C-alpha cells in the first residue's frame, strides 16, 4: 500500500485521515470504505482529511473515475467533505460526483469542511 488511513468518530461526523502517496487503485476503493465505516459508526457524515497525501501522480482521467466511484458507491447515503491541499483542487472530482448524485464538497481546510458537514 502506498497510503495509510485511520478513522476517528467525532460528535457529528466520522473523520478519516489518509496519508502517503496517491495510488489510483487504492483511492478507487475508498468510497466503498467510506460507506462501510459510516454504516458501522451509524453516522451519515464523513470528513476525509487528505492534506498529507502526495497527489503528484493524479491525472485528469483519474479525477473523472474518482468522481464516478464516489457517486456510484455513496449516492444519497452519506455526506462527504474531502480536504485536499489547495494546489490539487480543480473541482473536477466534485463536479463529476455531484452530477451523478453524490453529496460531496472538496475544500482545502478542515474548518471549511466541518462547517459544511454540520
N, C-alpha and C. Protein backbone atom coordinates (compact mmCIF):
# COMPACT_ATOMS: atom_id res chain seq x y z
N UNK A 1 0.83 -1.19 0.00
CA UNK A 1 0.00 0.00 0.00
C UNK A 1 0.87 1.25 0.00
N UNK A 2 0.45 2.21 -0.78
CA UNK A 2 1.18 3.46 -0.85
C UNK A 2 0.61 4.51 0.11
N UNK A 3 -0.58 4.23 0.63
CA UNK A 3 -1.19 5.17 1.56
C UNK A 3 -1.68 4.42 2.80
N UNK A 4 -1.91 5.20 3.86
CA UNK A 4 -2.45 4.66 5.11
C UNK A 4 -3.67 5.48 5.48
N UNK A 5 -4.59 4.84 6.19
CA UNK A 5 -5.74 5.59 6.65
C UNK A 5 -6.18 5.14 8.03
N UNK A 6 -6.87 6.03 8.71
CA UNK A 6 -7.43 5.73 10.03
C UNK A 6 -8.74 6.50 10.18
N UNK A 7 -9.56 6.03 11.10
CA UNK A 7 -10.86 6.66 11.36
C UNK A 7 -10.95 7.09 12.81
N UNK A 8 -11.67 8.18 13.02
CA UNK A 8 -11.95 8.66 14.37
C UNK A 8 -13.39 9.17 14.39
N UNK A 9 -14.14 8.72 15.36
CA UNK A 9 -15.52 9.16 15.50
C UNK A 9 -15.56 10.48 16.25
N UNK A 10 -16.12 11.49 15.61
CA UNK A 10 -16.32 12.79 16.22
C UNK A 10 -17.78 12.90 16.66
N UNK A 11 -18.16 14.04 17.22
CA UNK A 11 -19.53 14.19 17.73
C UNK A 11 -20.58 14.13 16.62
N UNK A 12 -20.37 14.88 15.53
CA UNK A 12 -21.36 14.97 14.46
C UNK A 12 -20.96 14.25 13.17
N UNK A 13 -19.77 13.69 13.13
CA UNK A 13 -19.30 13.10 11.88
C UNK A 13 -18.18 12.09 12.16
N UNK A 14 -17.87 11.33 11.14
CA UNK A 14 -16.76 10.39 11.18
C UNK A 14 -15.61 11.04 10.42
N UNK A 15 -14.41 10.98 10.97
CA UNK A 15 -13.26 11.58 10.29
C UNK A 15 -12.29 10.50 9.85
N UNK A 16 -11.91 10.55 8.58
CA UNK A 16 -10.93 9.64 8.02
C UNK A 16 -9.69 10.45 7.67
N UNK A 17 -8.55 9.97 8.09
CA UNK A 17 -7.27 10.63 7.80
C UNK A 17 -6.50 9.72 6.85
N UNK A 18 -6.12 10.24 5.69
CA UNK A 18 -5.34 9.49 4.70
C UNK A 18 -4.00 10.18 4.55
N UNK A 19 -2.94 9.38 4.52
CA UNK A 19 -1.60 9.94 4.30
C UNK A 19 -0.83 9.01 3.37
N UNK A 20 0.23 9.54 2.81
CA UNK A 20 1.07 8.74 1.91
C UNK A 20 1.02 9.25 0.48
N UNK A 21 1.14 8.32 -0.45
CA UNK A 21 1.20 8.65 -1.86
C UNK A 21 -0.09 8.23 -2.56
N UNK A 22 -0.59 9.08 -3.47
CA UNK A 22 -1.78 8.74 -4.25
C UNK A 22 -1.51 7.50 -5.09
N UNK A 23 -2.46 6.57 -5.04
CA UNK A 23 -2.45 5.39 -5.89
C UNK A 23 -3.87 5.19 -6.40
N UNK A 24 -4.05 5.14 -7.70
CA UNK A 24 -5.38 5.08 -8.30
C UNK A 24 -6.22 3.95 -7.72
N UNK A 25 -5.70 2.74 -7.69
CA UNK A 25 -6.49 1.60 -7.22
C UNK A 25 -6.88 1.73 -5.76
N UNK A 26 -5.97 2.19 -4.94
CA UNK A 26 -6.29 2.40 -3.52
C UNK A 26 -7.38 3.45 -3.37
N UNK A 27 -7.24 4.56 -4.06
CA UNK A 27 -8.20 5.65 -3.91
C UNK A 27 -9.57 5.30 -4.49
N UNK A 28 -9.60 4.45 -5.51
CA UNK A 28 -10.89 4.00 -6.04
C UNK A 28 -11.61 3.08 -5.06
N UNK A 29 -10.88 2.49 -4.13
CA UNK A 29 -11.53 1.63 -3.12
C UNK A 29 -12.07 2.43 -1.93
N UNK A 30 -11.63 3.66 -1.76
CA UNK A 30 -12.04 4.45 -0.59
C UNK A 30 -13.54 4.76 -0.51
N UNK A 31 -14.24 5.08 -1.61
CA UNK A 31 -15.67 5.36 -1.46
C UNK A 31 -16.46 4.21 -0.82
N UNK A 32 -16.13 3.00 -1.15
CA UNK A 32 -16.81 1.87 -0.52
C UNK A 32 -16.44 1.79 0.97
N UNK A 33 -15.20 2.09 1.29
CA UNK A 33 -14.76 2.11 2.69
C UNK A 33 -15.52 3.22 3.45
N UNK A 34 -15.69 4.39 2.81
CA UNK A 34 -16.45 5.48 3.43
C UNK A 34 -17.83 4.97 3.84
N UNK A 35 -18.49 4.30 2.90
CA UNK A 35 -19.85 3.83 3.13
C UNK A 35 -19.90 2.77 4.23
N UNK A 36 -19.01 1.80 4.18
CA UNK A 36 -18.97 0.73 5.18
C UNK A 36 -18.73 1.31 6.57
N UNK A 37 -17.70 2.14 6.70
CA UNK A 37 -17.35 2.70 8.01
C UNK A 37 -18.44 3.63 8.54
N UNK A 38 -19.07 4.39 7.68
CA UNK A 38 -20.13 5.28 8.15
C UNK A 38 -21.33 4.47 8.64
N UNK A 39 -21.63 3.36 7.99
CA UNK A 39 -22.72 2.49 8.46
C UNK A 39 -22.36 1.84 9.79
N UNK A 40 -21.12 1.38 9.92
CA UNK A 40 -20.68 0.77 11.17
C UNK A 40 -20.78 1.77 12.33
N UNK A 41 -20.41 3.01 12.07
CA UNK A 41 -20.43 4.05 13.09
C UNK A 41 -21.81 4.67 13.26
N UNK A 42 -22.75 4.31 12.37
CA UNK A 42 -24.10 4.87 12.37
C UNK A 42 -24.07 6.39 12.24
N UNK A 43 -23.24 6.84 11.29
CA UNK A 43 -23.11 8.27 11.02
C UNK A 43 -23.24 8.49 9.51
N UNK A 44 -23.93 9.55 9.15
CA UNK A 44 -24.16 9.81 7.72
C UNK A 44 -23.28 10.92 7.16
N UNK A 45 -22.34 11.40 7.98
CA UNK A 45 -21.42 12.45 7.53
C UNK A 45 -19.99 11.99 7.75
N UNK A 46 -19.15 12.28 6.76
CA UNK A 46 -17.74 11.89 6.88
C UNK A 46 -16.85 13.01 6.37
N UNK A 47 -15.81 13.29 7.14
CA UNK A 47 -14.79 14.27 6.75
C UNK A 47 -13.55 13.47 6.40
N UNK A 48 -13.06 13.65 5.19
CA UNK A 48 -11.89 12.92 4.71
C UNK A 48 -10.73 13.90 4.60
N UNK A 49 -9.75 13.74 5.47
CA UNK A 49 -8.57 14.62 5.51
C UNK A 49 -7.45 13.99 4.70
N UNK A 50 -7.15 14.58 3.55
CA UNK A 50 -6.06 14.07 2.70
C UNK A 50 -4.93 15.10 2.57
N UNK A 51 -4.80 15.97 3.55
CA UNK A 51 -3.77 17.02 3.48
C UNK A 51 -2.35 16.45 3.45
N UNK A 52 -2.17 15.22 3.94
CA UNK A 52 -0.85 14.59 3.94
C UNK A 52 -0.66 13.58 2.81
N UNK A 53 -1.42 13.75 1.73
CA UNK A 53 -1.29 12.87 0.56
C UNK A 53 -0.51 13.59 -0.52
N UNK A 54 0.41 12.89 -1.14
CA UNK A 54 1.16 13.39 -2.30
C UNK A 54 0.37 13.01 -3.54
N UNK A 55 -0.26 13.99 -4.17
CA UNK A 55 -1.12 13.77 -5.34
C UNK A 55 -0.39 13.98 -6.68
N UNK A 56 0.92 13.97 -6.69
CA UNK A 56 1.66 14.27 -7.92
C UNK A 56 1.33 13.35 -9.09
N UNK A 57 0.86 12.14 -8.83
CA UNK A 57 0.54 11.20 -9.91
C UNK A 57 -0.95 11.18 -10.27
N UNK A 58 -1.71 12.13 -9.76
CA UNK A 58 -3.15 12.19 -10.03
C UNK A 58 -3.39 12.83 -11.39
N UNK A 59 -3.98 12.06 -12.31
CA UNK A 59 -4.26 12.57 -13.66
C UNK A 59 -5.70 13.06 -13.77
N UNK A 60 -5.98 13.75 -14.86
CA UNK A 60 -7.34 14.23 -15.11
C UNK A 60 -8.31 13.05 -15.24
N UNK A 61 -7.92 12.01 -15.94
CA UNK A 61 -8.83 10.87 -16.11
C UNK A 61 -9.05 10.16 -14.77
N UNK A 62 -8.04 10.13 -13.91
CA UNK A 62 -8.22 9.57 -12.57
C UNK A 62 -9.25 10.38 -11.80
N UNK A 63 -9.22 11.69 -11.94
CA UNK A 63 -10.20 12.54 -11.26
C UNK A 63 -11.62 12.18 -11.70
N UNK A 64 -11.78 11.93 -12.99
CA UNK A 64 -13.08 11.54 -13.51
C UNK A 64 -13.55 10.23 -12.88
N UNK A 65 -12.67 9.23 -12.88
CA UNK A 65 -13.02 7.92 -12.32
C UNK A 65 -13.29 8.00 -10.82
N UNK A 66 -12.54 8.84 -10.10
CA UNK A 66 -12.78 9.01 -8.67
C UNK A 66 -14.15 9.64 -8.42
N UNK A 67 -14.51 10.63 -9.22
CA UNK A 67 -15.83 11.24 -9.09
C UNK A 67 -16.95 10.26 -9.37
N UNK A 68 -16.77 9.45 -10.40
CA UNK A 68 -17.77 8.42 -10.72
C UNK A 68 -17.92 7.42 -9.59
N UNK A 69 -16.80 6.97 -9.06
CA UNK A 69 -16.82 5.96 -7.98
C UNK A 69 -17.45 6.53 -6.71
N UNK A 70 -17.15 7.78 -6.40
CA UNK A 70 -17.79 8.43 -5.24
C UNK A 70 -19.31 8.40 -5.38
N UNK A 71 -19.79 8.76 -6.55
CA UNK A 71 -21.23 8.78 -6.78
C UNK A 71 -21.82 7.38 -6.75
N UNK A 72 -21.19 6.46 -7.42
CA UNK A 72 -21.73 5.11 -7.51
C UNK A 72 -21.84 4.44 -6.14
N UNK A 73 -20.84 4.61 -5.30
CA UNK A 73 -20.81 3.93 -4.00
C UNK A 73 -21.57 4.66 -2.90
N UNK A 74 -21.64 5.98 -2.97
CA UNK A 74 -22.18 6.72 -1.82
C UNK A 74 -23.45 7.51 -2.11
N UNK A 75 -23.92 7.50 -3.30
CA UNK A 75 -25.06 8.31 -3.75
C UNK A 75 -26.22 8.30 -2.77
N UNK A 76 -26.51 9.47 -2.24
CA UNK A 76 -27.66 9.63 -1.38
C UNK A 76 -27.56 9.04 0.01
N UNK A 77 -26.48 8.37 0.33
CA UNK A 77 -26.38 7.70 1.63
C UNK A 77 -25.56 8.47 2.65
N UNK A 78 -24.50 9.14 2.20
CA UNK A 78 -23.67 9.89 3.13
C UNK A 78 -23.25 11.23 2.53
N UNK A 79 -22.96 12.16 3.42
CA UNK A 79 -22.48 13.48 3.05
C UNK A 79 -20.97 13.47 3.29
N UNK A 80 -20.18 13.82 2.26
CA UNK A 80 -18.73 13.69 2.34
C UNK A 80 -18.04 15.02 2.06
N UNK A 81 -17.22 15.46 3.02
CA UNK A 81 -16.37 16.63 2.82
C UNK A 81 -14.94 16.11 2.72
N UNK A 82 -14.28 16.44 1.63
CA UNK A 82 -12.91 15.97 1.39
C UNK A 82 -11.97 17.17 1.42
N UNK A 83 -10.96 17.08 2.29
CA UNK A 83 -9.99 18.16 2.42
C UNK A 83 -8.73 17.76 1.65
N UNK A 84 -8.37 18.60 0.69
CA UNK A 84 -7.27 18.33 -0.24
C UNK A 84 -6.35 19.55 -0.26
N UNK A 85 -5.04 19.35 -0.37
CA UNK A 85 -4.16 20.51 -0.50
C UNK A 85 -4.61 21.42 -1.66
N UNK A 86 -4.61 22.71 -1.42
CA UNK A 86 -5.16 23.68 -2.38
C UNK A 86 -4.60 23.53 -3.79
N UNK A 87 -3.33 23.22 -3.92
CA UNK A 87 -2.73 23.16 -5.26
C UNK A 87 -3.28 22.02 -6.11
N UNK A 88 -4.00 21.07 -5.51
CA UNK A 88 -4.55 19.94 -6.26
C UNK A 88 -6.04 20.06 -6.53
N UNK A 89 -6.67 21.10 -6.03
CA UNK A 89 -8.12 21.25 -6.20
C UNK A 89 -8.41 21.95 -7.52
N UNK A 90 -9.28 21.30 -8.32
CA UNK A 90 -9.82 21.96 -9.50
C UNK A 90 -11.32 21.70 -9.65
N UNK A 91 -11.92 21.04 -8.65
CA UNK A 91 -13.36 20.78 -8.55
C UNK A 91 -13.87 19.77 -9.58
N UNK A 92 -13.00 19.12 -10.36
CA UNK A 92 -13.46 18.16 -11.36
C UNK A 92 -14.05 16.92 -10.69
N UNK A 93 -13.38 16.37 -9.68
CA UNK A 93 -13.90 15.21 -8.96
C UNK A 93 -15.27 15.56 -8.37
N UNK A 94 -15.34 16.70 -7.71
CA UNK A 94 -16.59 17.14 -7.08
C UNK A 94 -17.71 17.28 -8.11
N UNK A 95 -17.43 17.91 -9.23
CA UNK A 95 -18.44 18.12 -10.26
C UNK A 95 -18.95 16.80 -10.82
N UNK A 96 -18.04 15.89 -11.14
CA UNK A 96 -18.43 14.58 -11.67
C UNK A 96 -19.31 13.86 -10.65
N UNK A 97 -18.89 13.85 -9.39
CA UNK A 97 -19.64 13.15 -8.35
C UNK A 97 -21.02 13.76 -8.13
N UNK A 98 -21.10 15.08 -8.04
CA UNK A 98 -22.38 15.75 -7.82
C UNK A 98 -23.32 15.53 -9.00
N UNK A 99 -22.79 15.61 -10.21
CA UNK A 99 -23.62 15.41 -11.40
C UNK A 99 -24.21 14.00 -11.46
N UNK A 100 -23.63 13.08 -10.70
CA UNK A 100 -24.11 11.70 -10.68
C UNK A 100 -24.83 11.36 -9.37
N UNK A 101 -25.11 12.37 -8.56
CA UNK A 101 -25.95 12.17 -7.39
C UNK A 101 -25.28 12.09 -6.04
N UNK A 102 -23.98 12.31 -5.97
CA UNK A 102 -23.29 12.26 -4.68
C UNK A 102 -23.43 13.60 -3.95
N UNK A 103 -23.27 13.55 -2.65
CA UNK A 103 -23.29 14.75 -1.81
C UNK A 103 -21.86 14.98 -1.31
N UNK A 104 -21.07 15.68 -2.12
CA UNK A 104 -19.63 15.83 -1.90
C UNK A 104 -19.22 17.29 -1.98
N UNK A 105 -18.26 17.65 -1.12
CA UNK A 105 -17.71 19.00 -1.12
C UNK A 105 -16.20 18.87 -0.94
N UNK A 106 -15.42 19.45 -1.85
CA UNK A 106 -13.96 19.37 -1.77
C UNK A 106 -13.42 20.76 -1.47
N UNK A 107 -12.65 20.84 -0.38
CA UNK A 107 -12.09 22.12 0.07
C UNK A 107 -10.65 21.91 0.54
N UNK A 108 -9.99 23.01 0.90
CA UNK A 108 -8.59 22.91 1.31
C UNK A 108 -8.37 23.15 2.80
N UNK A 109 -9.46 23.33 3.58
CA UNK A 109 -9.29 23.49 5.02
C UNK A 109 -10.26 22.60 5.79
N UNK A 110 -9.80 22.11 6.91
CA UNK A 110 -10.66 21.28 7.75
C UNK A 110 -11.80 22.13 8.33
N UNK A 111 -11.52 23.37 8.65
CA UNK A 111 -12.55 24.26 9.19
C UNK A 111 -13.74 24.38 8.23
N UNK A 112 -13.45 24.61 6.96
CA UNK A 112 -14.50 24.75 5.95
C UNK A 112 -15.27 23.43 5.79
N UNK A 113 -14.55 22.31 5.83
CA UNK A 113 -15.19 21.01 5.70
C UNK A 113 -16.15 20.76 6.86
N UNK A 114 -15.70 21.07 8.08
CA UNK A 114 -16.55 20.89 9.27
C UNK A 114 -17.81 21.76 9.19
N UNK A 115 -17.63 23.01 8.76
CA UNK A 115 -18.77 23.91 8.64
C UNK A 115 -19.79 23.37 7.65
N UNK A 116 -19.34 22.85 6.54
CA UNK A 116 -20.25 22.32 5.52
C UNK A 116 -20.97 21.07 6.03
N UNK A 117 -20.26 20.23 6.75
CA UNK A 117 -20.86 19.00 7.26
C UNK A 117 -21.91 19.25 8.33
N UNK A 118 -21.66 20.24 9.17
CA UNK A 118 -22.57 20.46 10.29
C UNK A 118 -23.41 21.68 10.05
